[in-house]
Protein backbone atom coordinates (compact mmCIF):
# COMPACT_ATOMS: atom_id res chain seq x y z
CA UNK A 1 -7.13 40.76 -12.89
CA UNK A 2 -4.22 38.93 -14.51
CA UNK A 3 -3.19 35.93 -12.90
CA UNK A 4 1.03 35.56 -12.72
CA UNK A 5 2.36 33.43 -15.28
CA UNK A 6 4.34 31.28 -12.28
CA UNK A 7 0.93 31.04 -10.25
CA UNK A 8 -0.65 29.50 -13.46
CA UNK A 9 1.84 27.00 -13.90
CA UNK A 10 1.54 25.90 -10.01
CA UNK A 11 -2.08 25.73 -10.81
CA UNK A 12 -1.46 23.57 -13.71
CA UNK A 13 0.97 21.39 -11.63
CA UNK A 14 -1.41 20.65 -9.09
CA UNK A 15 -4.58 20.02 -11.83
CA UNK A 16 -2.21 17.56 -13.31
CA UNK A 17 -0.94 16.02 -10.30
CA UNK A 18 -4.65 15.51 -9.09
CA UNK A 19 -5.64 13.60 -11.98
CA UNK A 20 -2.57 11.33 -12.16
CA UNK A 21 -3.53 10.42 -8.67
CA UNK A 22 -7.00 9.40 -9.67
CA UNK A 23 -5.83 6.51 -11.93
CA UNK A 24 -7.51 3.47 -10.95
CA UNK A 25 -4.36 1.46 -10.62
CA UNK A 26 -6.58 -0.90 -7.95
CA UNK A 27 -9.49 -1.45 -10.51
CA UNK A 28 -7.25 -1.91 -13.44
CA UNK A 29 -5.37 -4.73 -11.79
CA UNK A 30 -8.49 -6.02 -10.16
CA UNK A 31 -10.18 -6.27 -13.78
CA UNK A 32 -7.44 -8.39 -14.85
CA UNK A 33 -6.91 -10.82 -11.75
CA UNK A 34 -10.54 -11.62 -11.05
CA UNK A 35 -13.52 -10.36 -13.05
CA UNK A 36 -16.37 -9.35 -10.73
CA UNK A 37 -14.27 -8.42 -7.74
CA UNK A 38 -14.54 -5.23 -6.28
CA UNK A 39 -12.06 -4.33 -3.52
CA UNK A 40 -13.99 -1.77 -2.38
CA UNK A 41 -16.55 -4.57 -0.79
CA UNK A 42 -14.12 -7.19 -0.34
CA UNK A 43 -11.20 -7.44 2.31
CA UNK A 44 -11.08 -4.47 4.19
CA UNK A 45 -12.75 -2.59 1.37
CA UNK A 46 -9.80 -0.46 0.67
CA UNK A 47 -8.69 -0.30 -3.03
CA UNK A 48 -5.15 -0.56 -2.06
CA UNK A 49 -2.09 -2.88 -2.41
CA UNK A 50 -2.50 -4.42 1.01
CA UNK A 51 -6.00 -5.18 0.58
CA UNK A 52 -5.32 -6.65 -3.23
CA UNK A 53 -2.77 -8.97 -1.70
CA UNK A 54 -5.24 -10.46 0.98
CA UNK A 55 -8.26 -10.68 -1.33
CA UNK A 56 -6.25 -11.53 -4.83
CA UNK A 57 -2.65 -12.71 -4.19
CA UNK A 58 0.95 -11.15 -4.20
CA UNK A 59 1.07 -10.56 -7.66
CA UNK A 60 -2.13 -8.42 -7.98
CA UNK A 61 -0.75 -6.69 -4.58
CA UNK A 62 2.53 -5.97 -6.37
CA UNK A 63 1.04 -4.77 -9.30
CA UNK A 64 -1.24 -1.98 -7.39
CA UNK A 65 1.63 -0.99 -5.06
CA UNK A 66 4.10 -0.48 -7.95
CA UNK A 67 1.27 1.43 -10.05
CA UNK A 68 0.22 3.60 -7.03
CA UNK A 69 3.69 4.58 -6.08
CA UNK A 70 4.57 5.41 -9.83
CA UNK A 71 1.75 7.68 -10.32
CA UNK A 72 2.89 9.47 -7.29
CA UNK A 73 6.46 9.78 -8.56
CA UNK A 74 4.80 10.68 -12.26
CA UNK A 75 2.62 13.43 -10.75
CA UNK A 76 6.00 15.03 -8.82
CA UNK A 77 8.10 14.60 -12.05
CA UNK A 78 5.30 16.28 -14.32
CA UNK A 79 4.86 19.13 -11.34
CA UNK A 80 8.62 19.58 -11.62
CA UNK A 81 8.35 20.09 -15.43
CA UNK A 82 5.75 22.79 -15.15
CA UNK A 83 6.53 24.91 -12.34
CA UNK A 84 9.83 23.52 -10.65
CA UNK A 85 10.50 22.63 -7.26
CA UNK A 86 7.43 24.09 -5.84
CA UNK A 87 5.56 22.35 -8.71
CA UNK A 88 6.72 19.06 -7.73
CA UNK A 89 5.88 19.20 -4.34
CA UNK A 90 2.42 20.68 -4.92
CA UNK A 91 1.68 17.75 -7.43
CA UNK A 92 2.94 15.01 -5.23
CA UNK A 93 0.41 16.08 -2.58
CA UNK A 94 -2.38 16.71 -5.12
CA UNK A 95 -1.52 13.16 -6.44
CA UNK A 96 -2.40 11.92 -2.97
CA UNK A 97 -5.23 13.67 -2.56
CA UNK A 98 -6.61 12.30 -5.83
CA UNK A 99 -5.99 9.04 -5.25
CA UNK A 100 -8.13 9.28 -1.59
CA UNK A 101 -10.77 11.58 -3.03
CA UNK A 102 -11.11 11.05 -6.86
CA UNK A 103 -13.45 13.16 -8.63
CA UNK A 104 -14.67 10.34 -10.82
CA UNK A 105 -16.38 8.41 -7.86
CA UNK A 106 -17.71 11.31 -6.37
CA UNK A 107 -14.44 12.31 -4.38
CA UNK A 108 -15.36 8.64 -2.40
CA UNK A 109 -13.84 5.29 -2.70
CA UNK A 110 -10.64 6.20 -3.15
CA UNK A 111 -7.47 4.39 -1.35
CA UNK A 112 -5.25 5.57 1.49
CA UNK A 113 -2.73 7.29 -0.18
CA UNK A 114 0.29 5.35 1.60
CA UNK A 115 1.81 4.17 -2.04
CA UNK A 116 1.23 7.37 -3.92
CA UNK A 117 3.15 9.08 -1.15
CA UNK A 118 6.23 6.69 -1.06
CA UNK A 119 6.29 7.88 -5.20
CA UNK A 120 6.25 11.46 -3.78
CA UNK A 121 8.82 11.02 -1.38
CA UNK A 122 10.83 8.98 -4.02
CA UNK A 123 11.07 12.01 -6.12
CA UNK A 124 10.95 15.02 -3.72
CA UNK A 125 13.13 13.68 -1.05
CA UNK A 126 15.00 11.04 -2.34
CA UNK A 127 17.99 11.35 0.62
CA UNK A 128 15.28 10.60 3.11
CA UNK A 129 13.76 7.44 1.14
CA UNK A 130 16.20 4.90 2.53
CA UNK A 131 15.20 5.81 5.95
CA UNK A 132 11.47 5.85 5.22
CA UNK A 133 11.99 2.55 3.92
CA UNK A 134 13.71 1.38 6.89
CA UNK A 135 10.99 2.64 9.42
CA UNK A 136 8.33 0.93 7.01
CA UNK A 137 10.56 -2.36 7.02
CA UNK A 138 10.84 -1.94 11.28
CA UNK A 139 7.12 -1.42 11.27
CA UNK A 140 6.41 -4.28 8.91
CA UNK A 141 8.67 -6.77 10.84
CA UNK A 142 7.24 -6.06 14.17
CA UNK A 143 3.77 -8.28 14.70
CA UNK A 144 2.05 -5.60 16.93
CA UNK A 145 2.87 -2.67 14.35
CA UNK A 146 1.97 -4.86 11.59
CA UNK A 147 -1.56 -5.22 13.20
CA UNK A 148 -1.82 -1.56 13.57
CA UNK A 149 -1.82 -0.14 10.43
CA UNK A 150 -2.54 3.50 11.51
CA UNK A 151 -0.15 3.64 14.42
CA UNK A 152 2.64 2.38 11.23
CA UNK A 153 1.54 4.80 9.06
CA UNK A 154 1.27 7.77 11.92
CA UNK A 155 4.98 6.99 13.01
CA UNK A 156 6.03 6.90 9.49
CA UNK A 157 4.38 9.82 8.20
CA UNK A 158 5.96 11.68 11.69
CA UNK A 159 9.44 10.73 10.36
CA UNK A 160 8.90 12.09 6.94
CA UNK A 161 7.93 15.34 8.31
CA UNK A 162 10.72 15.45 10.98
CA UNK A 163 13.21 14.64 8.25
CA UNK A 164 11.78 17.48 5.99
CA UNK A 165 12.32 20.04 8.81
CA UNK A 166 15.60 18.70 9.27
CA UNK A 167 17.10 18.96 5.63
CA UNK A 168 15.72 21.96 5.50
CA UNK A 169 17.35 23.43 8.63
CA UNK A 170 20.81 22.07 7.60
CA UNK A 171 20.65 22.64 4.09
CA UNK A 172 21.76 18.94 3.50
CA UNK A 173 21.81 17.54 -0.02
CA UNK A 174 18.85 15.76 -1.62
CA UNK A 175 20.26 13.47 -4.23
CA UNK A 176 18.31 14.00 -7.30
CA UNK A 177 15.51 15.85 -5.68
CA UNK A 178 14.62 19.59 -5.08
CA UNK A 179 16.90 21.61 -2.66
CA UNK A 180 15.59 21.42 0.54
CA UNK A 181 13.28 24.15 1.39
CA UNK A 182 10.26 25.08 3.73
CA UNK A 183 8.07 23.22 0.93
CA UNK A 184 9.55 20.06 1.63
CA UNK A 185 7.74 19.71 5.59
CA UNK A 186 5.03 21.55 4.54
CA UNK A 187 4.25 19.00 1.57
CA UNK A 188 4.90 16.00 3.87
CA UNK A 189 2.77 17.52 6.64
CA UNK A 190 -0.13 17.95 4.33
CA UNK A 191 0.19 14.81 2.32
CA UNK A 192 0.33 13.04 5.89
CA UNK A 193 -2.59 14.66 6.94
CA UNK A 194 -4.70 13.65 4.17
CA UNK A 195 -3.65 10.03 4.84
CA UNK A 196 -4.41 10.28 8.35
CA UNK A 197 -7.62 11.72 8.07
CA UNK A 198 -8.56 8.80 5.20
CA UNK A 199 -7.67 6.30 7.89
CA UNK A 200 -9.58 7.89 10.51
CA UNK A 201 -12.65 8.22 8.01
CA UNK A 202 -12.34 4.47 7.35
CA UNK A 203 -12.76 3.37 10.99
CA UNK A 204 -11.01 0.10 12.53
CA UNK A 205 -10.56 -2.74 10.39
CA UNK A 206 -13.19 -5.58 10.78
CA UNK A 207 -11.72 -8.74 12.35
CA UNK A 208 -11.52 -12.00 10.33
CA UNK A 209 -13.93 -14.60 10.67
CA UNK A 210 -11.38 -17.41 11.82
CA UNK A 211 -9.80 -14.89 14.48
CA UNK A 212 -12.42 -12.16 15.82
CA UNK A 213 -10.41 -10.49 18.32
CA UNK A 214 -7.37 -9.96 16.02
CA UNK A 215 -7.45 -6.67 13.76
CA UNK A 216 -6.82 -6.74 10.10
CA UNK A 217 -4.76 -4.35 8.11
């Protein structure tokens, strides 16, 4: 049976988005910043911006964050070119999946996908992005929330999904992003579920040696 062309394009968008998501940003930055260091066994054990900041310093942390955001955004852009708005949403979610579960490492050892999802939001839901940034800033500024990265991420994800529902229901403009549709909250919900699952799989962070009762992020 011949697969419809639009379905083929969506499949290609998903595949390209996933591959872009597997780009090893943290590994490359770590290799340049400190040879012999592996973020998967140092600090919190997560190959992401927060752990890079903790282990390698601000420059490395910023580089990992920018790189991960960029690959999420690039995936959405490529997906849009290949398969239109639906391709953008699917490729963005696929990039987060690739970041969390990279095929090159046996679908293990990936990051938590937060920064890649920021890139997804920036391209597919730019009208909401300032709100997303504000929620992140508020949670980061509150010491209690800052220490509870999972709770902060959960709150931010819930707001993202709710925002998608509202924009779709109201038909509000979305700046340079695709016209709001049911795919907007669905993609946000799927990406959020993947991120939450990664947080749960990682388990609670180990306490720091200098303060055994204070959790790390």
